[in-house]
């Protein structure tokens, strides 16, 4: 009854797409937009959690997808601001791809 097996604390990187496993956002996808520590990250989707006010989440409550949005990571690393509409579009494209592996834990 716990957390997602296999997610190693500290293994998340900026730009990683994650699936929330606990809390009021259970079942939703977000993108890691910042890292506070090995056990806490900031996630956003451009809609419910804009990049200006991302959600702080414990990595134990997240499931990492096998996907990294390198352009998000590049913008953050380069100090360029992220746009909420742009990020929301990236997240919706992932959902519209018909990719259901996030539901199956893969």
PDB file of N, CA and C in Angstrom:
ATOM      1  N   UNK A   1       0.837  -1.156   0.000  1.00  0.00           N
ATOM      2  CA  UNK A   1       0.000   0.000   0.000  1.00  0.00           C
ATOM      3  C   UNK A   1       0.882   1.217   0.000  1.00  0.00           C
ATOM      4  N   UNK A   2       1.844   1.204  -0.608  1.00  0.00           N
ATOM      5  CA  UNK A   2       2.781   2.286  -0.430  1.00  0.00           C
ATOM      6  C   UNK A   2       3.018   3.056  -1.672  1.00  0.00           C
ATOM      7  N   UNK A   3       4.215   3.199  -1.908  1.00  0.00           N
ATOM      8  CA  UNK A   3       4.649   4.059  -2.989  1.00  0.00           C
ATOM      9  C   UNK A   3       5.092   3.218  -4.169  1.00  0.00           C
ATOM     10  N   UNK A   4       5.383   3.893  -5.226  1.00  0.00           N
ATOM     11  CA  UNK A   4       5.799   3.219  -6.435  1.00  0.00           C
ATOM     12  C   UNK A   4       7.146   2.544  -6.243  1.00  0.00           C
ATOM     13  N   UNK A   5       7.214   1.254  -6.431  1.00  0.00           N
ATOM     14  CA  UNK A   5       8.513   0.600  -6.314  1.00  0.00           C
ATOM     15  C   UNK A   5       9.405   0.986  -7.485  1.00  0.00           C
ATOM     16  N   UNK A   6      10.668   1.048  -7.225  1.00  0.00           N
ATOM     17  CA  UNK A   6      11.606   1.284  -8.309  1.00  0.00           C
ATOM     18  C   UNK A   6      12.000   2.727  -8.514  1.00  0.00           C
ATOM     19  N   UNK A   7      11.292   3.681  -7.880  1.00  0.00           N
ATOM     20  CA  UNK A   7      11.695   5.074  -8.026  1.00  0.00           C
ATOM     21  C   UNK A   7      12.750   5.369  -6.981  1.00  0.00           C
ATOM     22  N   UNK A   8      13.935   5.587  -7.428  1.00  0.00           N
ATOM     23  CA  UNK A   8      15.048   5.855  -6.526  1.00  0.00           C
ATOM     24  C   UNK A   8      15.052   7.343  -6.211  1.00  0.00           C
ATOM     25  N   UNK A   9      15.078   7.667  -4.930  1.00  0.00           N
ATOM     26  CA  UNK A   9      15.111   9.067  -4.539  1.00  0.00           C
ATOM     27  C   UNK A   9      16.326   9.739  -5.163  1.00  0.00           C
ATOM     28  N   UNK A  10      16.109  10.921  -5.691  1.00  0.00           N
ATOM     29  CA  UNK A  10      17.194  11.646  -6.316  1.00  0.00           C
ATOM     30  C   UNK A  10      17.371  11.316  -7.786  1.00  0.00           C
ATOM     31  N   UNK A  11      16.555  10.406  -8.304  1.00  0.00           N
ATOM     32  CA  UNK A  11      16.716  10.010  -9.697  1.00  0.00           C
ATOM     33  C   UNK A  11      15.937  10.910 -10.651  1.00  0.00           C
ATOM     34  N   UNK A  12      15.117  11.810 -10.146  1.00  0.00           N
ATOM     35  CA  UNK A  12      14.361  12.704 -11.013  1.00  0.00           C
ATOM     36  C   UNK A  12      15.231  13.876 -11.446  1.00  0.00           C
ATOM     37  N   UNK A  13      15.008  14.312 -12.701  1.00  0.00           N
ATOM     38  CA  UNK A  13      15.740  15.443 -13.251  1.00  0.00           C
ATOM     39  C   UNK A  13      14.737  16.455 -13.779  1.00  0.00           C
ATOM     40  N   UNK A  14      15.175  17.677 -13.930  1.00  0.00           N
ATOM     41  CA  UNK A  14      14.337  18.707 -14.525  1.00  0.00           C
ATOM     42  C   UNK A  14      13.937  18.267 -15.930  1.00  0.00           C
ATOM     43  N   UNK A  15      12.653  18.390 -16.224  1.00  0.00           N
ATOM     44  CA  UNK A  15      12.133  17.983 -17.525  1.00  0.00           C
ATOM     45  C   UNK A  15      11.503  16.607 -17.527  1.00  0.00           C
ATOM     46  N   UNK A  16      11.706  15.823 -16.463  1.00  0.00           N
ATOM     47  CA  UNK A  16      11.099  14.489 -16.395  1.00  0.00           C
ATOM     48  C   UNK A  16       9.584  14.597 -16.295  1.00  0.00           C
ATOM     49  N   UNK A  17       8.904  13.731 -17.007  1.00  0.00           N
ATOM     50  CA  UNK A  17       7.450  13.637 -16.924  1.00  0.00           C
ATOM     51  C   UNK A  17       7.135  12.639 -15.823  1.00  0.00           C
ATOM     52  N   UNK A  18       6.253  13.042 -14.902  1.00  0.00           N
ATOM     53  CA  UNK A  18       5.918  12.192 -13.763  1.00  0.00           C
ATOM     54  C   UNK A  18       4.409  12.027 -13.648  1.00  0.00           C
ATOM     55  N   UNK A  19       4.036  10.949 -13.017  1.00  0.00           N
ATOM     56  CA  UNK A  19       2.650  10.588 -12.768  1.00  0.00           C
ATOM     57  C   UNK A  19       2.455  10.647 -11.256  1.00  0.00           C
ATOM     58  N   UNK A  20       1.493  11.441 -10.784  1.00  0.00           N
ATOM     59  CA  UNK A  20       1.266  11.593  -9.347  1.00  0.00           C
ATOM     60  C   UNK A  20       0.510  10.387  -8.818  1.00  0.00           C
ATOM     61  N   UNK A  21       1.038   9.782  -7.764  1.00  0.00           N
ATOM     62  CA  UNK A  21       0.456   8.573  -7.180  1.00  0.00           C
ATOM     63  C   UNK A  21      -0.265   8.821  -5.858  1.00  0.00           C
ATOM     64  N   UNK A  22      -0.085   9.966  -5.239  1.00  0.00           N
ATOM     65  CA  UNK A  22      -0.708  10.269  -3.956  1.00  0.00           C
ATOM     66  C   UNK A  22      -1.163  11.722  -3.927  1.00  0.00           C
ATOM     67  N   UNK A  23      -2.234  11.979  -3.168  1.00  0.00           N
ATOM     68  CA  UNK A  23      -2.706  13.344  -2.983  1.00  0.00           C
ATOM     69  C   UNK A  23      -3.865  13.685  -3.890  1.00  0.00           C
ATOM     70  N   UNK A  24      -4.269  14.942  -3.856  1.00  0.00           N
ATOM     71  CA  UNK A  24      -5.446  15.362  -4.622  1.00  0.00           C
ATOM     72  C   UNK A  24      -5.212  15.330  -6.131  1.00  0.00           C
ATOM     73  N   UNK A  25      -3.965  15.276  -6.559  1.00  0.00           N
ATOM     74  CA  UNK A  25      -3.644  15.207  -7.985  1.00  0.00           C
ATOM     75  C   UNK A  25      -3.360  13.789  -8.453  1.00  0.00           C
ATOM     76  N   UNK A  26      -3.747  12.810  -7.648  1.00  0.00           N
ATOM     77  CA  UNK A  26      -3.527  11.406  -7.983  1.00  0.00           C
ATOM     78  C   UNK A  26      -4.074  11.102  -9.380  1.00  0.00           C
ATOM     79  N   UNK A  27      -3.233  10.522 -10.220  1.00  0.00           N
ATOM     80  CA  UNK A  27      -3.656  10.149 -11.558  1.00  0.00           C
ATOM     81  C   UNK A  27      -3.336  11.170 -12.629  1.00  0.00           C
ATOM     82  N   UNK A  28      -2.735  12.289 -12.275  1.00  0.00           N
ATOM     83  CA  UNK A  28      -2.434  13.334 -13.251  1.00  0.00           C
ATOM     84  C   UNK A  28      -0.942  13.362 -13.566  1.00  0.00           C
ATOM     85  N   UNK A  29      -0.646  13.876 -14.760  1.00  0.00           N
ATOM     86  CA  UNK A  29       0.741  14.000 -15.210  1.00  0.00           C
ATOM     87  C   UNK A  29       1.245  15.420 -15.031  1.00  0.00           C
ATOM     88  N   UNK A  30       2.499  15.528 -14.669  1.00  0.00           N
ATOM     89  CA  UNK A  30       3.156  16.814 -14.506  1.00  0.00           C
ATOM     90  C   UNK A  30       4.579  16.710 -15.033  1.00  0.00           C
ATOM     91  N   UNK A  31       5.247  17.855 -15.080  1.00  0.00           N
ATOM     92  CA  UNK A  31       6.645  17.908 -15.499  1.00  0.00           C
ATOM     93  C   UNK A  31       7.458  18.475 -14.336  1.00  0.00           C
ATOM     94  N   UNK A  32       8.600  17.885 -14.063  1.00  0.00           N
ATOM     95  CA  UNK A  32       9.493  18.397 -13.022  1.00  0.00           C
ATOM     96  C   UNK A  32      10.129  19.680 -13.549  1.00  0.00           C
ATOM     97  N   UNK A  33       9.877  20.796 -12.839  1.00  0.00           N
ATOM     98  CA  UNK A  33      10.423  22.084 -13.270  1.00  0.00           C
ATOM     99  C   UNK A  33      11.493  22.606 -12.318  1.00  0.00           C
ATOM    100  N   UNK A  34      11.721  21.887 -11.235  1.00  0.00           N
ATOM    101  CA  UNK A  34      12.752  22.286 -10.286  1.00  0.00           C
ATOM    102  C   UNK A  34      13.001  21.190  -9.271  1.00  0.00           C
ATOM    103  N   UNK A  35      14.157  21.240  -8.650  1.00  0.00           N
ATOM    104  CA  UNK A  35      14.518  20.241  -7.647  1.00  0.00           C
ATOM    105  C   UNK A  35      14.945  20.978  -6.388  1.00  0.00           C
ATOM    106  N   UNK A  36      14.257  20.667  -5.284  1.00  0.00           N
ATOM    107  CA  UNK A  36      14.607  21.281  -4.005  1.00  0.00           C
ATOM    108  C   UNK A  36      15.675  20.460  -3.288  1.00  0.00           C
ATOM    109  N   UNK A  37      15.482  19.149  -3.273  1.00  0.00           N
ATOM    110  CA  UNK A  37      16.426  18.243  -2.617  1.00  0.00           C
ATOM    111  C   UNK A  37      16.270  16.868  -3.258  1.00  0.00           C
ATOM    112  N   UNK A  38      16.943  15.878  -2.713  1.00  0.00           N
ATOM    113  CA  UNK A  38      16.825  14.523  -3.259  1.00  0.00           C
ATOM    114  C   UNK A  38      15.440  13.936  -3.049  1.00  0.00           C
ATOM    115  N   UNK A  39      14.696  14.476  -2.087  1.00  0.00           N
ATOM    116  CA  UNK A  39      13.380  13.915  -1.782  1.00  0.00           C
ATOM    117  C   UNK A  39      12.224  14.829  -2.156  1.00  0.00           C
ATOM    118  N   UNK A  40      12.493  16.049  -2.588  1.00  0.00           N
ATOM    119  CA  UNK A  40      11.436  16.999  -2.941  1.00  0.00           C
ATOM    120  C   UNK A  40      11.729  17.643  -4.293  1.00  0.00           C
ATOM    121  N   UNK A  41      10.685  17.702  -5.129  1.00  0.00           N
ATOM    122  CA  UNK A  41      10.802  18.359  -6.427  1.00  0.00           C
ATOM    123  C   UNK A  41       9.622  19.301  -6.617  1.00  0.00           C
ATOM    124  N   UNK A  42       9.740  20.192  -7.584  1.00  0.00           N
ATOM    125  CA  UNK A  42       8.658  21.086  -7.953  1.00  0.00           C
ATOM    126  C   UNK A  42       8.090  20.609  -9.284  1.00  0.00           C
ATOM    127  N   UNK A  43       6.760  20.458  -9.332  1.00  0.00           N
ATOM    128  CA  UNK A  43       6.109  19.997 -10.554  1.00  0.00           C
ATOM    129  C   UNK A  43       5.096  21.039 -11.021  1.00  0.00           C
ATOM    130  N   UNK A  44       4.878  21.083 -12.319  1.00  0.00           N
ATOM    131  CA  UNK A  44       3.916  22.010 -12.906  1.00  0.00           C
ATOM    132  C   UNK A  44       3.352  21.377 -14.166  1.00  0.00           C
ATOM    133  N   UNK A  45       2.173  21.875 -14.561  1.00  0.00           N
ATOM    134  CA  UNK A  45       1.582  21.428 -15.820  1.00  0.00           C
ATOM    135  C   UNK A  45       1.137  22.605 -16.686  1.00  0.00           C
ATOM    136  N   UNK A  46       1.318  23.824 -16.184  1.00  0.00           N
ATOM    137  CA  UNK A  46       0.934  25.002 -16.946  1.00  0.00           C
ATOM    138  C   UNK A  46      -0.518  25.387 -16.778  1.00  0.00           C
ATOM    139  N   UNK A  47      -1.316  24.541 -16.150  1.00  0.00           N
ATOM    140  CA  UNK A  47      -2.740  24.822 -15.944  1.00  0.00           C
ATOM    141  C   UNK A  47      -3.065  24.898 -14.456  1.00  0.00           C
ATOM    142  N   UNK A  48      -3.236  23.747 -13.826  1.00  0.00           N
ATOM    143  CA  UNK A  48      -3.596  23.749 -12.406  1.00  0.00           C
ATOM    144  C   UNK A  48      -2.440  24.218 -11.530  1.00  0.00           C
ATOM    145  N   UNK A  49      -1.233  23.956 -11.963  1.00  0.00           N
ATOM    146  CA  UNK A  49      -0.043  24.452 -11.268  1.00  0.00           C
ATOM    147  C   UNK A  49       0.846  25.149 -12.287  1.00  0.00           C
ATOM    148  N   UNK A  50       0.773  26.488 -12.326  1.00  0.00           N
ATOM    149  CA  UNK A  50       1.604  27.233 -13.277  1.00  0.00           C
ATOM    150  C   UNK A  50       3.072  27.211 -12.859  1.00  0.00           C
ATOM    151  N   UNK A  51       3.930  27.542 -13.794  1.00  0.00           N
ATOM    152  CA  UNK A  51       5.362  27.507 -13.514  1.00  0.00           C
ATOM    153  C   UNK A  51       5.768  28.554 -12.479  1.00  0.00           C
ATOM    154  N   UNK A  52       4.977  29.609 -12.322  1.00  0.00           N
ATOM    155  CA  UNK A  52       5.285  30.625 -11.317  1.00  0.00           C
ATOM    156  C   UNK A  52       5.003  30.131  -9.905  1.00  0.00           C
ATOM    157  N   UNK A  53       4.106  29.156  -9.774  1.00  0.00           N
ATOM    158  CA  UNK A  53       3.745  28.615  -8.464  1.00  0.00           C
ATOM    159  C   UNK A  53       3.616  27.097  -8.576  1.00  0.00           C
ATOM    160  N   UNK A  54       4.743  26.413  -8.769  1.00  0.00           N
ATOM    161  CA  UNK A  54       4.691  24.956  -8.927  1.00  0.00           C
ATOM    162  C   UNK A  54       4.372  24.259  -7.609  1.00  0.00           C
ATOM    163  N   UNK A  55       3.931  23.030  -7.711  1.00  0.00           N
ATOM    164  CA  UNK A  55       3.599  22.207  -6.551  1.00  0.00           C
ATOM    165  C   UNK A  55       4.859  21.520  -6.055  1.00  0.00           C
ATOM    166  N   UNK A  56       5.106  21.610  -4.744  1.00  0.00           N
ATOM    167  CA  UNK A  56       6.223  20.883  -4.146  1.00  0.00           C
ATOM    168  C   UNK A  56       5.713  19.487  -3.821  1.00  0.00           C
ATOM    169  N   UNK A  57       6.441  18.468  -4.263  1.00  0.00           N
ATOM    170  CA  UNK A  57       5.976  17.097  -4.089  1.00  0.00           C
ATOM    171  C   UNK A  57       7.116  16.198  -3.643  1.00  0.00           C
ATOM    172  N   UNK A  58       6.795  15.264  -2.760  1.00  0.00           N
ATOM    173  CA  UNK A  58       7.738  14.250  -2.305  1.00  0.00           C
ATOM    174  C   UNK A  58       7.925  13.241  -3.436  1.00  0.00           C
ATOM    175  N   UNK A  59       9.157  12.887  -3.754  1.00  0.00           N
ATOM    176  CA  UNK A  59       9.408  11.964  -4.863  1.00  0.00           C
ATOM    177  C   UNK A  59       8.820  10.577  -4.609  1.00  0.00           C
ATOM    178  N   UNK A  60       8.575  10.239  -3.352  1.00  0.00           N
ATOM    179  CA  UNK A  60       7.959   8.947  -3.039  1.00  0.00           C
ATOM    180  C   UNK A  60       6.543   8.856  -3.594  1.00  0.00           C
ATOM    181  N   UNK A  61       5.923   9.998  -3.821  1.00  0.00           N
ATOM    182  CA  UNK A  61       4.545  10.032  -4.290  1.00  0.00           C
ATOM    183  C   UNK A  61       4.438  10.218  -5.795  1.00  0.00           C
ATOM    184  N   UNK A  62       5.548  10.078  -6.487  1.00  0.00           N
ATOM    185  CA  UNK A  62       5.580  10.248  -7.936  1.00  0.00           C
ATOM    186  C   UNK A  62       6.078   8.983  -8.614  1.00  0.00           C
ATOM    187  N   UNK A  63       5.580   8.768  -9.816  1.00  0.00           N
ATOM    188  CA  UNK A  63       6.078   7.675 -10.644  1.00  0.00           C
ATOM    189  C   UNK A  63       6.699   8.305 -11.882  1.00  0.00           C
ATOM    190  N   UNK A  64       7.960   8.021 -12.097  1.00  0.00           N
ATOM    191  CA  UNK A  64       8.670   8.579 -13.246  1.00  0.00           C
ATOM    192  C   UNK A  64       8.263   7.841 -14.507  1.00  0.00           C
ATOM    193  N   UNK A  65       7.943   8.617 -15.535  1.00  0.00           N
ATOM    194  CA  UNK A  65       7.699   8.035 -16.847  1.00  0.00           C
ATOM    195  C   UNK A  65       9.018   7.950 -17.576  1.00  0.00           C
ATOM    196  N   UNK A  66       9.051   7.145 -18.578  1.00  0.00           N
ATOM    197  CA  UNK A  66      10.284   6.992 -19.356  1.00  0.00           C
ATOM    198  C   UNK A  66      10.357   8.082 -20.419  1.00  0.00           C
ATOM    199  N   UNK A  67      10.262   9.329 -19.960  1.00  0.00           N
ATOM    200  CA  UNK A  67      10.234  10.447 -20.880  1.00  0.00           C
ATOM    201  C   UNK A  67      10.823  11.674 -20.191  1.00  0.00           C
ATOM    202  N   UNK A  68      11.627  12.414 -20.931  1.00  0.00           N
ATOM    203  CA  UNK A  68      12.180  13.661 -20.428  1.00  0.00           C
ATOM    204  C   UNK A  68      12.008  14.709 -21.514  1.00  0.00           C
ATOM    205  N   UNK A  69      11.418  15.842 -21.144  1.00  0.00           N
ATOM    206  CA  UNK A  69      11.263  16.945 -22.082  1.00  0.00           C
ATOM    207  C   UNK A  69      12.542  17.774 -22.034  1.00  0.00           C
ATOM    208  N   UNK A  70      13.445  17.470 -22.939  1.00  0.00           N
ATOM    209  CA  UNK A  70      14.767  18.098 -22.933  1.00  0.00           C
ATOM    210  C   UNK A  70      14.692  19.609 -23.151  1.00  0.00           C
ATOM    211  N   UNK A  71      13.666  20.069 -23.877  1.00  0.00           N
ATOM    212  CA  UNK A  71      13.548  21.507 -24.082  1.00  0.00           C
ATOM    213  C   UNK A  71      13.166  22.225 -22.790  1.00  0.00           C
ATOM    214  N   UNK A  72      12.413  21.568 -21.902  1.00  0.00           N
ATOM    215  CA  UNK A  72      12.112  22.146 -20.589  1.00  0.00           C
ATOM    216  C   UNK A  72      13.396  22.226 -19.777  1.00  0.00           C
ATOM    217  N   UNK A  73      14.132  21.132 -19.738  1.00  0.00           N
ATOM    218  CA  UNK A  73      15.395  21.099 -18.998  1.00  0.00           C
ATOM    219  C   UNK A  73      16.367  22.142 -19.545  1.00  0.00           C
ATOM    220  N   UNK A  74      16.405  22.287 -20.860  1.00  0.00           N
ATOM    221  CA  UNK A  74      17.298  23.259 -21.479  1.00  0.00           C
ATOM    222  C   UNK A  74      16.939  24.690 -21.136  1.00  0.00           C
ATOM    223  N   UNK A  75      15.644  24.984 -21.123  1.00  0.00           N
ATOM    224  CA  UNK A  75      15.210  26.336 -20.771  1.00  0.00           C
ATOM    225  C   UNK A  75      15.546  26.665 -19.321  1.00  0.00           C
ATOM    226  N   UNK A  76      15.280  25.713 -18.431  1.00  0.00           N
ATOM    227  CA  UNK A  76      15.569  25.942 -17.012  1.00  0.00           C
ATOM    228  C   UNK A  76      17.070  26.099 -16.796  1.00  0.00           C
ATOM    229  N   UNK A  77      17.866  25.233 -17.409  1.00  0.00           N
ATOM    230  CA  UNK A  77      19.325  25.296 -17.257  1.00  0.00           C
ATOM    231  C   UNK A  77      19.883  26.594 -17.834  1.00  0.00           C
ATOM    232  N   UNK A  78      19.280  27.068 -18.916  1.00  0.00           N
ATOM    233  CA  UNK A  78      19.745  28.296 -19.549  1.00  0.00           C
ATOM    234  C   UNK A  78      19.210  29.565 -18.913  1.00  0.00           C
ATOM    235  N   UNK A  79      18.363  29.412 -17.889  1.00  0.00           N
ATOM    236  CA  UNK A  79      17.809  30.577 -17.215  1.00  0.00           C
ATOM    237  C   UNK A  79      16.674  31.241 -17.968  1.00  0.00           C
ATOM    238  N   UNK A  80      16.170  30.591 -19.004  1.00  0.00           N
ATOM    239  CA  UNK A  80      15.055  31.147 -19.768  1.00  0.00           C
ATOM    240  C   UNK A  80      13.745  30.821 -19.052  1.00  0.00           C
ATOM    241  N   UNK A  81      12.787  31.741 -19.081  1.00  0.00           N
ATOM    242  CA  UNK A  81      11.513  31.473 -18.406  1.00  0.00           C
ATOM    243  C   UNK A  81      10.676  30.447 -19.166  1.00  0.00           C
ATOM    244  N   UNK A  82       9.920  29.684 -18.401  1.00  0.00           N
ATOM    245  CA  UNK A  82       8.971  28.742 -18.993  1.00  0.00           C
ATOM    246  C   UNK A  82       7.631  29.442 -19.137  1.00  0.00           C
ATOM    247  N   UNK A  83       6.936  29.169 -20.209  1.00  0.00           N
ATOM    248  CA  UNK A  83       5.623  29.742 -20.463  1.00  0.00           C
ATOM    249  C   UNK A  83       4.560  28.699 -20.135  1.00  0.00           C
ATOM    250  N   UNK A  84       3.509  29.099 -19.414  1.00  0.00           N
ATOM    251  CA  UNK A  84       2.470  28.154 -19.013  1.00  0.00           C
ATOM    252  C   UNK A  84       1.745  27.536 -20.201  1.00  0.00           C
ATOM    253  N   UNK A  85       1.422  28.336 -21.202  1.00  0.00           N
ATOM    254  CA  UNK A  85       0.738  27.805 -22.379  1.00  0.00           C
ATOM    255  C   UNK A  85       1.592  26.793 -23.119  1.00  0.00           C
ATOM    256  N   UNK A  86       2.858  27.096 -23.233  1.00  0.00           N
ATOM    257  CA  UNK A  86       3.799  26.199 -23.901  1.00  0.00           C
ATOM    258  C   UNK A  86       3.909  24.886 -23.140  1.00  0.00           C
ATOM    259  N   UNK A  87       4.039  24.962 -21.798  1.00  0.00           N
ATOM    260  CA  UNK A  87       4.154  23.760 -20.976  1.00  0.00           C
ATOM    261  C   UNK A  87       2.863  22.949 -21.018  1.00  0.00           C
ATOM    262  N   UNK A  88       1.717  23.621 -20.946  1.00  0.00           N
ATOM    263  CA  UNK A  88       0.431  22.924 -21.009  1.00  0.00           C
ATOM    264  C   UNK A  88       0.277  22.192 -22.337  1.00  0.00           C
ATOM    265  N   UNK A  89       0.746  22.803 -23.415  1.00  0.00           N
ATOM    266  CA  UNK A  89       0.687  22.162 -24.724  1.00  0.00           C
ATOM    267  C   UNK A  89       1.568  20.919 -24.756  1.00  0.00           C
ATOM    268  N   UNK A  90       2.760  21.005 -24.178  1.00  0.00           N
ATOM    269  CA  UNK A  90       3.662  19.842 -24.135  1.00  0.00           C
ATOM    270  C   UNK A  90       3.018  18.684 -23.376  1.00  0.00           C
ATOM    271  N   UNK A  91       2.392  18.981 -22.233  1.00  0.00           N
ATOM    272  CA  UNK A  91       1.749  17.938 -21.430  1.00  0.00           C
ATOM    273  C   UNK A  91       0.564  17.345 -22.182  1.00  0.00           C
ATOM    274  N   UNK A  92      -0.235  18.181 -22.851  1.00  0.00           N
ATOM    275  CA  UNK A  92      -1.398  17.661 -23.573  1.00  0.00           C
ATOM    276  C   UNK A  92      -0.988  16.812 -24.770  1.00  0.00           C
ATOM    277  N   UNK A  93       0.128  17.135 -25.413  1.00  0.00           N
ATOM    278  CA  UNK A  93       0.619  16.318 -26.528  1.00  0.00           C
ATOM    279  C   UNK A  93       0.986  14.927 -26.032  1.00  0.00           C
ATOM    280  N   UNK A  94       1.588  14.856 -24.851  1.00  0.00           N
ATOM    281  CA  UNK A  94       1.940  13.558 -24.269  1.00  0.00           C
ATOM    282  C   UNK A  94       0.682  12.737 -24.042  1.00  0.00           C
ATOM    283  N   UNK A  95      -0.366  13.370 -23.509  1.00  0.00           N
ATOM    284  CA  UNK A  95      -1.618  12.660 -23.242  1.00  0.00           C
ATOM    285  C   UNK A  95      -2.334  12.271 -24.529  1.00  0.00           C
ATOM    286  N   UNK A  96      -2.268  13.122 -25.549  1.00  0.00           N
ATOM    287  CA  UNK A  96      -2.964  12.865 -26.810  1.00  0.00           C
ATOM    288  C   UNK A  96      -2.289  11.823 -27.678  1.00  0.00           C
ATOM    289  N   UNK A  97      -1.064  11.463 -27.355  1.00  0.00           N
ATOM    290  CA  UNK A  97      -0.342  10.471 -28.147  1.00  0.00           C
ATOM    291  C   UNK A  97      -0.962   9.088 -28.063  1.00  0.00           C
ATOM    292  N   UNK A  98      -1.899   8.918 -27.140  1.00  0.00           N
ATOM    293  CA  UNK A  98      -2.482   7.596 -26.962  1.00  0.00           C
ATOM    294  C   UNK A  98      -1.583   6.687 -26.169  1.00  0.00           C
ATOM    295  N   UNK A  99      -0.551   7.243 -25.592  1.00  0.00           N
ATOM    296  CA  UNK A  99       0.392   6.467 -24.794  1.00  0.00           C
ATOM    297  C   UNK A  99      -0.226   6.193 -23.435  1.00  0.00           C
ATOM    298  N   UNK A 100      -0.492   4.935 -23.138  1.00  0.00           N
ATOM    299  CA  UNK A 100      -1.097   4.579 -21.860  1.00  0.00           C
ATOM    300  C   UNK A 100      -0.102   3.912 -20.932  1.00  0.00           C
ATOM    301  N   UNK A 101       1.173   3.940 -21.265  1.00  0.00           N
ATOM    302  CA  UNK A 101       2.157   3.270 -20.424  1.00  0.00           C
ATOM    303  C   UNK A 101       2.211   3.873 -19.026  1.00  0.00           C
ATOM    304  N   UNK A 102       1.855   5.157 -18.893  1.00  0.00           N
ATOM    305  CA  UNK A 102       1.865   5.775 -17.573  1.00  0.00           C
ATOM    306  C   UNK A 102       0.808   5.148 -16.685  1.00  0.00           C
ATOM    307  N   UNK A 103      -0.281   4.670 -17.243  1.00  0.00           N
ATOM    308  CA  UNK A 103      -1.324   4.025 -16.450  1.00  0.00           C
ATOM    309  C   UNK A 103      -0.887   2.641 -16.006  1.00  0.00           C
ATOM    310  N   UNK A 104      -0.026   2.032 -16.788  1.00  0.00           N
ATOM    311  CA  UNK A 104       0.393   0.669 -16.519  1.00  0.00           C
ATOM    312  C   UNK A 104       1.677   0.608 -15.709  1.00  0.00           C
ATOM    313  N   UNK A 105       2.204   1.755 -15.355  1.00  0.00           N
ATOM    314  CA  UNK A 105       3.408   1.776 -14.544  1.00  0.00           C
ATOM    315  C   UNK A 105       4.686   1.633 -15.326  1.00  0.00           C
ATOM    316  N   UNK A 106       4.642   1.809 -16.627  1.00  0.00           N
ATOM    317  CA  UNK A 106       5.849   1.617 -17.409  1.00  0.00           C
ATOM    318  C   UNK A 106       6.282   2.829 -18.052  1.00  0.00           C
TER     319      UNK A 106
END
